[in-house]
């Protein structure tokens, strides 16, 4: 069976980076495009982190080869440039530029907890942005540097066109209904692609999206999750592409585009949403990571289990620096929880306490890369759920609005109840598949670490 082709739209970011590493080491998928968006950090910072991934993986290949350690699945693939994913810069601001925010408070100014300063040997050349800039806009000396950086690139192909146009290019070139679009960032690039060419956009096989919250509190406000909050209009537009009548749920800022979705060649998209309700229940515990890497770390403090530098493995060293920082950020939160709350059901199921990172993006990526049998076995979905985005509320900006009345849908000929917004109409509203149950932290973390750190058993 041919690997599933993925477009990954992301804003790395700690959990985005884990998600990319997981996909790159999953034989069941092939990343054809990495599309970058503002979000956790500015879009130009995201590109630096993506290039670091490929630089570390190349260093890891050399290290394993010289030490007779089994290679990662990533290294076992056909390593020819025509198989490398394109990397493209996308949106630096929301589609409506009304309100947004970053997440440097958790991810650090560089998105990876200061790893570029702590381990500069894994950072790209200081002119890393040049391959993503049109050559004829640069002075002669920078053109030479740009050409050399492109020649030295390993594992990826830099691109100068906006990533939303690259999304459309891939969808035009690949057979219809074969490409999975994985969205781990604010949905700005996705909305721009959908509005620019709705018919081509509708050729996507499925959209697998990390975003939103239904019954779980938001992480940006009491009502809103970060990705949807950061570009609420984009999120509303992308959700509307699932509707048999997109104009019925488009935000006011995009109502002029309703007619663009009325082409007979346009078909509603299939979308799977992974909200905070499920992603926050899937955690990577510090203890699990340390146990997996223990032999490959110079020292592990037996009392605190603090992460130290690796013996030699570039990958383990790099991971231990920024994951160690992320686990450290969580220590105060975990201590607060111990003092004020009884152990949660997740703590009980994990069978271990202490620091953890919630696996928002990796869990979403996991669903995107596994086969249909595993999807049915490990996840439960609420099918064709009408989720809409609040795009004008003073306090509810970015909230996922759902109909809790438990009333039956009606046809056009049925008597009309009081139904402002046509929530009960079969012809209107969104049709989203909502993830409500997953494999649990222990099973998921074992799969994640097994892929990223294979060979270090």
Protein backbone atom coordinates (compact mmCIF):
# COMPACT_ATOMS: atom_id res chain seq x y z
CA UNK A 1 0.00 0.00 0.00
CA UNK A 2 1.42 3.40 -1.00
CA UNK A 3 2.18 5.82 1.85
CA UNK A 4 -0.48 8.40 2.59
CA UNK A 5 0.59 11.81 1.23
CA UNK A 6 0.51 14.66 3.74
CA UNK A 7 0.58 18.41 3.64
CA UNK A 8 1.52 19.60 7.13
CA UNK A 9 0.65 23.17 8.10
CA UNK A 10 2.38 24.06 11.36
CA UNK A 11 4.07 26.66 13.58
CA UNK A 12 6.94 24.81 15.37
CA UNK A 13 6.81 25.05 18.47
CA UNK A 14 7.54 22.16 20.80
CA UNK A 15 4.64 19.84 20.11
CA UNK A 16 4.66 20.68 16.37
CA UNK A 17 8.30 19.57 16.23
CA UNK A 18 7.46 16.28 17.92
CA UNK A 19 4.60 15.81 15.46
CA UNK A 20 6.90 16.43 12.46
CA UNK A 21 9.52 14.02 13.81
CA UNK A 22 6.81 11.41 14.27
CA UNK A 23 5.51 11.80 10.71
CA UNK A 24 8.99 11.83 9.18
CA UNK A 25 9.66 8.51 10.93
CA UNK A 26 6.34 6.89 9.99
CA UNK A 27 6.64 4.61 6.92
CA UNK A 28 2.87 4.82 6.38
CA UNK A 29 3.03 8.45 5.22
CA UNK A 30 5.01 10.79 3.00
CA UNK A 31 5.18 14.52 3.72
CA UNK A 32 5.06 16.37 0.40
CA UNK A 33 4.78 19.90 1.80
CA UNK A 34 5.56 21.61 5.10
CA UNK A 35 3.57 24.85 5.14
CA UNK A 36 4.51 27.36 7.83
CA UNK A 37 2.26 29.85 9.59
CA UNK A 38 2.58 32.40 12.36
CA UNK A 39 1.42 31.07 15.70
CA UNK A 40 3.53 29.80 18.58
CA UNK A 41 6.31 31.99 17.17
CA UNK A 42 6.65 34.24 14.10
CA UNK A 43 6.71 32.40 10.79
CA UNK A 44 10.40 33.14 10.13
CA UNK A 45 11.28 31.60 13.51
CA UNK A 46 9.27 28.52 12.58
CA UNK A 47 11.35 28.02 9.46
CA UNK A 48 14.52 28.00 11.54
CA UNK A 49 13.11 25.21 13.70
CA UNK A 50 12.05 23.12 10.71
CA UNK A 51 15.49 23.39 9.15
CA UNK A 52 17.00 22.35 12.48
CA UNK A 53 14.96 19.15 12.34
CA UNK A 54 16.52 18.16 9.03
CA UNK A 55 19.99 19.19 10.20
CA UNK A 56 19.70 17.06 13.35
CA UNK A 57 18.36 14.09 11.40
CA UNK A 58 21.32 14.26 9.02
CA UNK A 59 23.75 14.42 11.96
CA UNK A 60 21.94 11.46 13.52
CA UNK A 61 22.29 9.45 10.30
CA UNK A 62 26.06 9.97 10.30
CA UNK A 63 26.31 9.14 14.00
CA UNK A 64 24.33 5.91 13.73
CA UNK A 65 26.19 4.81 10.65
CA UNK A 66 29.56 5.26 12.37
CA UNK A 67 28.40 3.49 15.56
CA UNK A 68 26.54 0.61 13.89
CA UNK A 69 23.19 1.63 15.39
CA UNK A 70 20.03 0.84 13.38
CA UNK A 71 18.91 3.83 11.38
CA UNK A 72 15.61 5.63 11.92
CA UNK A 73 12.79 4.86 9.51
CA UNK A 74 13.36 8.33 8.09
CA UNK A 75 16.88 7.31 7.02
CA UNK A 76 15.73 4.04 5.46
CA UNK A 77 13.56 5.74 2.87
CA UNK A 78 14.61 6.60 -0.64
CA UNK A 79 16.72 9.68 0.00
CA UNK A 80 16.51 11.40 -3.36
CA UNK A 81 15.66 15.10 -3.76
CA UNK A 82 12.45 14.33 -5.65
CA UNK A 83 11.17 12.63 -2.47
CA UNK A 84 12.06 15.50 -0.16
CA UNK A 85 9.19 17.66 1.14
CA UNK A 86 8.89 21.22 -0.05
CA UNK A 87 9.13 23.78 2.76
CA UNK A 88 7.27 27.07 2.22
CA UNK A 89 6.60 30.19 4.27
CA UNK A 90 3.00 31.25 4.68
CA UNK A 91 0.90 33.70 6.64
CA UNK A 92 2.55 36.13 9.03
CA UNK A 93 -0.81 37.49 10.22
CA UNK A 94 -4.49 36.46 10.37
CA UNK A 95 -6.68 36.65 7.27
CA UNK A 96 -8.55 39.60 8.76
CA UNK A 97 -5.67 40.93 10.92
CA UNK A 98 -8.14 41.72 13.70
CA UNK A 99 -6.63 40.04 16.76
CA UNK A 100 -3.86 37.55 17.41
CA UNK A 101 -1.22 36.50 19.92
CA UNK A 102 1.91 34.37 20.17
CA UNK A 103 2.87 31.59 22.59
CA UNK A 104 6.50 32.38 23.36
CA UNK A 105 5.66 32.30 27.08
CA UNK A 106 5.71 28.48 26.89
CA UNK A 107 7.72 27.63 23.79
CA UNK A 108 10.42 30.26 24.31
CA UNK A 109 11.40 33.12 22.03
CA UNK A 110 12.89 30.69 19.50
CA UNK A 111 10.00 28.22 19.82
CA UNK A 112 12.22 25.46 21.20
CA UNK A 113 13.19 26.64 24.66
CA UNK A 114 16.39 28.40 23.64
CA UNK A 115 17.93 25.39 21.89
CA UNK A 116 19.57 27.51 19.19
CA UNK A 117 21.61 29.30 21.84
CA UNK A 118 22.26 26.21 23.97
CA UNK A 119 23.19 23.91 21.06
CA UNK A 120 24.20 26.13 18.13
CA UNK A 121 25.77 23.17 16.31
CA UNK A 122 22.23 22.06 15.41
CA UNK A 123 21.06 25.45 14.17
CA UNK A 124 20.98 26.39 10.49
CA UNK A 125 23.27 29.01 8.97
CA UNK A 126 22.47 32.53 10.16
CA UNK A 127 21.24 33.36 6.64
CA UNK A 128 18.70 30.51 6.75
CA UNK A 129 15.90 32.70 5.40
CA UNK A 130 17.61 33.46 2.05
CA UNK A 131 16.49 30.31 0.15
CA UNK A 132 12.90 31.36 0.84
CA UNK A 133 13.38 34.81 -0.73
CA UNK A 134 13.29 35.55 -4.47
CA UNK A 135 16.87 35.77 -5.70
CA UNK A 136 16.36 38.88 -7.84
CA UNK A 137 15.44 40.88 -4.71
CA UNK A 138 18.86 40.26 -3.11
CA UNK A 139 22.26 41.94 -3.52
CA UNK A 140 25.00 39.95 -5.25
CA UNK A 141 26.76 38.68 -2.10
CA UNK A 142 23.54 37.33 -0.62
CA UNK A 143 22.64 35.64 -3.90
CA UNK A 144 25.85 33.62 -3.67
CA UNK A 145 25.09 32.67 -0.07
CA UNK A 146 21.53 31.76 -1.06
CA UNK A 147 22.70 29.47 -3.86
CA UNK A 148 25.13 27.72 -1.53
CA UNK A 149 22.46 27.19 1.15
CA UNK A 150 20.13 25.64 -1.43
CA UNK A 151 22.94 23.37 -2.66
CA UNK A 152 23.72 22.28 0.91
CA UNK A 153 20.10 21.59 1.89
CA UNK A 154 19.48 17.95 2.79
CA UNK A 155 16.06 16.43 3.26
CA UNK A 156 13.94 19.37 2.10
CA UNK A 157 13.36 21.70 -0.85
CA UNK A 158 13.04 25.43 -0.06
CA UNK A 159 10.35 27.35 -1.89
CA UNK A 160 9.74 31.06 -2.47
CA UNK A 161 6.02 31.07 -3.24
CA UNK A 162 3.47 31.53 -0.40
CA UNK A 163 2.62 28.25 1.23
CA UNK A 164 -1.14 28.56 0.59
CA UNK A 165 -0.37 28.60 -3.13
CA UNK A 166 1.89 25.58 -2.65
CA UNK A 167 -1.02 23.80 -0.97
CA UNK A 168 -3.10 24.44 -4.08
CA UNK A 169 -0.23 23.36 -6.36
CA UNK A 170 0.06 20.00 -4.59
CA UNK A 171 -3.70 19.46 -4.75
CA UNK A 172 -3.68 20.21 -8.50
CA UNK A 173 -0.78 17.85 -9.20
CA UNK A 174 -1.90 14.90 -7.07
CA UNK A 175 -4.95 12.78 -7.90
CA UNK A 176 -8.14 14.03 -6.27
CA UNK A 177 -8.98 12.61 -2.85
CA UNK A 178 -5.44 11.36 -2.11
CA UNK A 179 -3.83 14.11 0.00
CA UNK A 180 -4.37 14.52 3.75
CA UNK A 181 -4.03 18.07 5.06
CA UNK A 182 -2.78 18.13 8.67
CA UNK A 183 -3.28 21.51 10.37
CA UNK A 184 -1.41 22.19 13.61
CA UNK A 185 -1.37 26.01 13.55
CA UNK A 186 -3.82 28.88 13.16
CA UNK A 187 -5.76 28.15 9.98
CA UNK A 188 -4.68 31.25 8.04
CA UNK A 189 -2.89 29.41 5.22
CA UNK A 190 -5.71 26.91 4.86
CA UNK A 191 -8.38 29.61 4.66
CA UNK A 192 -6.38 31.56 2.09
CA UNK A 193 -6.04 28.46 -0.10
CA UNK A 194 -9.76 27.67 0.21
CA UNK A 195 -10.83 31.21 -0.70
CA UNK A 196 -8.37 31.54 -3.59
CA UNK A 197 -9.47 28.35 -5.37
CA UNK A 198 -12.34 26.51 -3.65
CA UNK A 199 -12.67 23.83 -6.37
CA UNK A 200 -8.99 22.84 -6.21
CA UNK A 201 -9.08 22.99 -2.43
CA UNK A 202 -12.01 20.58 -2.35
CA UNK A 203 -9.80 17.91 -3.99
CA UNK A 204 -8.26 17.27 -0.56
CA UNK A 205 -8.97 13.79 0.83
CA UNK A 206 -9.39 14.98 4.42
CA UNK A 207 -8.40 17.74 6.83
CA UNK A 208 -7.04 16.55 10.19
CA UNK A 209 -7.03 19.59 12.48
CA UNK A 210 -5.81 20.35 15.98
CA UNK A 211 -8.07 23.08 17.26
CA UNK A 212 -10.99 24.14 19.36
CA UNK A 213 -12.57 23.03 22.60
CA UNK A 214 -16.10 21.82 23.30
CA UNK A 215 -16.54 21.05 27.01
CA UNK A 216 -12.92 21.57 28.07
CA UNK A 217 -11.85 25.08 29.17
CA UNK A 218 -9.92 27.08 26.61
CA UNK A 219 -6.21 27.75 26.88
CA UNK A 220 -6.46 31.36 25.62
CA UNK A 221 -9.66 32.38 27.35
CA UNK A 222 -12.33 30.49 29.30
CA UNK A 223 -13.95 29.72 25.95
CA UNK A 224 -11.26 29.52 23.26
CA UNK A 225 -8.36 27.30 22.20
CA UNK A 226 -5.21 28.94 20.85
CA UNK A 227 -5.25 27.93 17.15
CA UNK A 228 -8.87 28.98 16.66
CA UNK A 229 -8.45 32.14 18.73
CA UNK A 230 -5.30 33.28 16.87
CA UNK A 231 -7.19 33.52 13.56
CA UNK A 232 -10.86 33.08 14.29
CA UNK A 233 -12.03 34.10 10.82
CA UNK A 234 -9.73 31.56 9.18
CA UNK A 235 -11.01 28.82 11.47
CA UNK A 236 -14.62 29.72 10.66
CA UNK A 237 -13.86 29.68 6.92
CA UNK A 238 -12.21 26.26 7.03
CA UNK A 239 -15.03 24.81 9.12
CA UNK A 240 -17.47 26.21 6.56
CA UNK A 241 -15.83 24.15 3.80
CA UNK A 242 -17.41 21.07 5.40
CA UNK A 243 -20.92 22.44 4.92
CA UNK A 244 -23.29 21.54 2.06
CA UNK A 245 -23.94 25.31 2.02
CA UNK A 246 -20.70 27.09 3.08
CA UNK A 247 -22.36 30.49 2.87
CA UNK A 248 -24.56 29.53 5.83
CA UNK A 249 -21.63 29.52 8.28
CA UNK A 250 -18.97 31.77 6.73
CA UNK A 251 -17.99 34.63 9.06
CA UNK A 252 -19.19 38.13 8.17
CA UNK A 253 -15.66 39.07 7.07
CA UNK A 254 -15.76 36.38 4.36
CA UNK A 255 -19.40 36.52 3.28
CA UNK A 256 -18.38 37.94 -0.10
CA UNK A 257 -16.70 34.63 -0.88
CA UNK A 258 -19.90 32.58 -0.49
CA UNK A 259 -20.56 32.49 -4.23
CA UNK A 260 -17.06 31.09 -4.86
CA UNK A 261 -18.13 27.89 -3.09
CA UNK A 262 -21.26 27.45 -5.23
CA UNK A 263 -19.51 25.87 -8.24
CA UNK A 264 -20.98 22.46 -9.15
CA UNK A 265 -17.38 21.15 -9.14
CA UNK A 266 -16.93 22.07 -5.48
CA UNK A 267 -17.58 19.35 -2.91
CA UNK A 268 -17.64 19.72 0.88
CA UNK A 269 -14.43 18.70 2.63
CA UNK A 270 -14.07 15.90 5.16
CA UNK A 271 -12.66 17.29 8.39
CA UNK A 272 -11.54 15.68 11.65
CA UNK A 273 -11.06 18.00 14.63
CA UNK A 274 -8.95 17.14 17.66
CA UNK A 275 -9.98 19.60 20.39
CA UNK A 276 -8.41 20.25 23.77
CA UNK A 277 -11.00 17.88 25.24
CA UNK A 278 -9.03 14.92 23.86
CA UNK A 279 -5.52 16.26 23.23
CA UNK A 280 -5.07 17.50 26.82
CA UNK A 281 -5.80 13.96 28.01
CA UNK A 282 -2.81 12.58 26.06
CA UNK A 283 0.47 13.39 27.73
CA UNK A 284 4.16 12.66 27.34
CA UNK A 285 5.58 12.16 30.84
CA UNK A 286 9.12 13.23 31.63
CA UNK A 287 9.76 9.85 33.25
CA UNK A 288 8.83 7.99 30.06
CA UNK A 289 11.17 10.09 27.96
CA UNK A 290 14.05 9.78 30.45
CA UNK A 291 13.58 6.02 30.77
CA UNK A 292 13.68 5.65 27.00
CA UNK A 293 16.88 7.72 26.69
CA UNK A 294 18.59 6.76 29.96
CA UNK A 295 21.48 4.85 28.43
CA UNK A 296 22.07 7.66 25.94
CA UNK A 297 22.32 10.38 28.58
CA UNK A 298 25.56 11.16 30.40
CA UNK A 299 23.77 11.36 33.72
CA UNK A 300 20.23 11.10 34.98
CA UNK A 301 19.72 12.35 38.50
CA UNK A 302 18.11 9.36 40.22
CA UNK A 303 16.15 11.61 42.57
CA UNK A 304 14.83 14.36 40.31
CA UNK A 305 15.14 12.48 36.98
CA UNK A 306 16.46 15.71 35.47
CA UNK A 307 17.58 15.46 31.86
CA UNK A 308 21.27 15.86 31.14
CA UNK A 309 23.21 15.99 27.91
CA UNK A 310 23.44 12.83 25.81
CA UNK A 311 26.56 10.74 25.41
CA UNK A 312 26.84 11.19 21.69
CA UNK A 313 23.52 10.91 19.85
CA UNK A 314 22.75 14.27 18.20
CA UNK A 315 19.03 13.53 18.25
CA UNK A 316 18.88 12.64 21.95
CA UNK A 317 21.05 15.61 22.89
CA UNK A 318 18.88 18.01 20.90
CA UNK A 319 15.63 16.56 22.23
CA UNK A 320 16.86 16.52 25.83
CA UNK A 321 17.66 20.25 25.71
CA UNK A 322 14.29 21.58 24.58
CA UNK A 323 12.09 18.85 26.01
CA UNK A 324 13.96 19.23 29.29
CA UNK A 325 13.10 22.92 29.26
CA UNK A 326 9.46 22.20 28.50
CA UNK A 327 9.23 19.65 31.31
CA UNK A 328 10.87 22.21 33.59
CA UNK A 329 8.20 24.77 32.67
CA UNK A 330 5.59 22.25 33.77
CA UNK A 331 7.17 21.51 37.17
CA UNK A 332 5.55 24.51 38.87
CA UNK A 333 2.17 23.67 37.36
CA UNK A 334 2.43 20.04 38.51
CA UNK A 335 3.44 21.15 42.03
CA UNK A 336 0.43 23.50 42.12
CA UNK A 337 -1.86 20.68 40.99
CA UNK A 338 -0.54 18.40 43.75
CA UNK A 339 -1.32 21.03 46.38
CA UNK A 340 -4.78 21.99 45.16
CA UNK A 341 -6.30 19.04 43.31
CA UNK A 342 -6.79 15.35 43.77
CA UNK A 343 -5.10 13.16 41.12
CA UNK A 344 -6.96 13.29 37.81
CA UNK A 345 -8.21 10.26 35.93
CA UNK A 346 -5.34 10.80 33.48
CA UNK A 347 -2.79 10.60 36.33
CA UNK A 348 -4.38 7.38 37.52
CA UNK A 349 -4.40 5.86 34.03
CA UNK A 350 -0.82 6.95 33.37
CA UNK A 351 0.30 5.23 36.57
CA UNK A 352 2.98 7.90 37.07
CA UNK A 353 3.04 11.47 38.35
CA UNK A 354 5.41 14.35 37.72
CA UNK A 355 6.03 16.63 34.76
CA UNK A 356 4.33 16.09 31.43
CA UNK A 357 3.63 17.83 28.14
CA UNK A 358 0.16 17.71 26.61
CA UNK A 359 0.38 16.16 23.15
CA UNK A 360 -1.97 18.41 21.17
CA UNK A 361 -0.21 18.28 17.80
CA UNK A 362 1.43 14.82 18.03
CA UNK A 363 -1.92 13.13 18.77
CA UNK A 364 -3.48 14.87 15.78
CA UNK A 365 -0.56 13.78 13.59
CA UNK A 366 -0.87 10.24 14.94
CA UNK A 367 -4.40 9.99 13.61
CA UNK A 368 -3.28 11.36 10.25
CA UNK A 369 -0.57 8.74 9.69
CA UNK A 370 -2.10 5.52 11.04
CA UNK A 371 -4.16 3.20 8.85
CA UNK A 372 -7.94 2.89 8.85
CA UNK A 373 -7.89 -0.21 11.06
CA UNK A 374 -5.95 1.58 13.80
CA UNK A 375 -8.19 4.61 13.46
CA UNK A 376 -11.27 2.50 14.12
CA UNK A 377 -9.55 0.63 16.95
CA UNK A 378 -7.94 3.54 18.80
CA UNK A 379 -10.28 6.51 18.26
CA UNK A 380 -13.95 7.29 18.67
CA UNK A 381 -15.47 10.02 16.50
CA UNK A 382 -18.66 12.01 16.76
CA UNK A 383 -19.62 12.14 13.07
CA UNK A 384 -21.09 15.09 11.15
CA UNK A 385 -21.12 17.44 14.12
CA UNK A 386 -22.24 21.03 13.48
CA UNK A 387 -19.49 23.13 15.07
CA UNK A 388 -19.38 26.85 14.31
CA UNK A 389 -16.98 29.59 15.40
CA UNK A 390 -17.88 32.72 17.33
CA UNK A 391 -16.11 35.50 15.42
CA UNK A 392 -17.59 38.69 16.91
CA UNK A 393 -18.12 38.04 20.63
CA UNK A 394 -16.45 40.38 23.10
CA UNK A 395 -15.74 37.59 25.59
CA UNK A 396 -16.47 34.48 23.50
CA UNK A 397 -14.12 35.22 20.57
CA UNK A 398 -12.94 31.88 19.15
CA UNK A 399 -15.50 29.77 21.03
CA UNK A 400 -16.76 26.60 19.37
CA UNK A 401 -20.54 26.98 19.29
CA UNK A 402 -22.63 23.80 19.25
CA UNK A 403 -26.36 23.11 19.50
CA UNK A 404 -27.10 21.44 22.85
CA UNK A 405 -30.91 21.33 22.44
CA UNK A 406 -30.94 17.72 21.24
CA UNK A 407 -33.65 18.49 18.69
CA UNK A 408 -34.08 16.55 15.44
CA UNK A 409 -32.98 17.99 12.10
CA UNK A 410 -35.75 19.17 9.78
CA UNK A 411 -36.29 19.31 6.03
CA UNK A 412 -37.33 22.41 4.16
CA UNK A 413 -40.98 21.31 4.31
CA UNK A 414 -41.08 20.71 8.07
CA UNK A 415 -42.70 23.36 10.31
CA UNK A 416 -40.03 25.85 11.31
CA UNK A 417 -39.31 25.94 15.06
CA UNK A 418 -37.62 28.90 16.63
CA UNK A 419 -34.18 28.25 15.14
CA UNK A 420 -32.10 31.38 14.64
CA UNK A 421 -29.06 30.39 12.60
CA UNK A 422 -30.72 27.37 10.96
CA UNK A 423 -29.04 24.88 13.28
CA UNK A 424 -31.72 22.27 12.56
CA UNK A 425 -31.55 22.55 8.78
CA UNK A 426 -30.27 19.55 6.82
CA UNK A 427 -29.10 21.90 4.07
CA UNK A 428 -27.07 24.25 6.28
CA UNK A 429 -24.48 24.15 9.05
CA UNK A 430 -21.07 22.49 9.23
CA UNK A 431 -20.34 18.75 9.15
CA UNK A 432 -17.27 18.04 11.27
CA UNK A 433 -16.00 14.74 12.63
CA UNK A 434 -15.07 15.39 16.27
CA UNK A 435 -12.53 13.18 18.08
CA UNK A 436 -13.94 12.27 21.50
CA UNK A 437 -11.79 9.31 22.61
CA UNK A 438 -8.22 8.25 21.88
CA UNK A 439 -5.70 5.54 22.78
CA UNK A 440 -4.64 7.09 26.11
CA UNK A 441 -1.31 8.55 27.14
CA UNK A 442 0.67 5.37 27.77
CA UNK A 443 -0.18 3.66 24.51
CA UNK A 444 0.24 6.82 22.48
CA UNK A 445 3.53 7.88 24.12
CA UNK A 446 4.97 4.42 23.47
CA UNK A 447 4.16 4.74 19.76
CA UNK A 448 5.51 8.29 19.61
CA UNK A 449 8.82 7.54 21.36
CA UNK A 450 9.13 4.25 19.51
CA UNK A 451 9.07 6.07 16.17
CA UNK A 452 11.25 9.04 17.08
CA UNK A 453 13.85 7.08 19.07
CA UNK A 454 13.87 3.71 17.31
CA UNK A 455 17.17 1.88 17.70
CA UNK A 456 17.60 3.13 21.27
CA UNK A 457 15.79 0.26 22.94
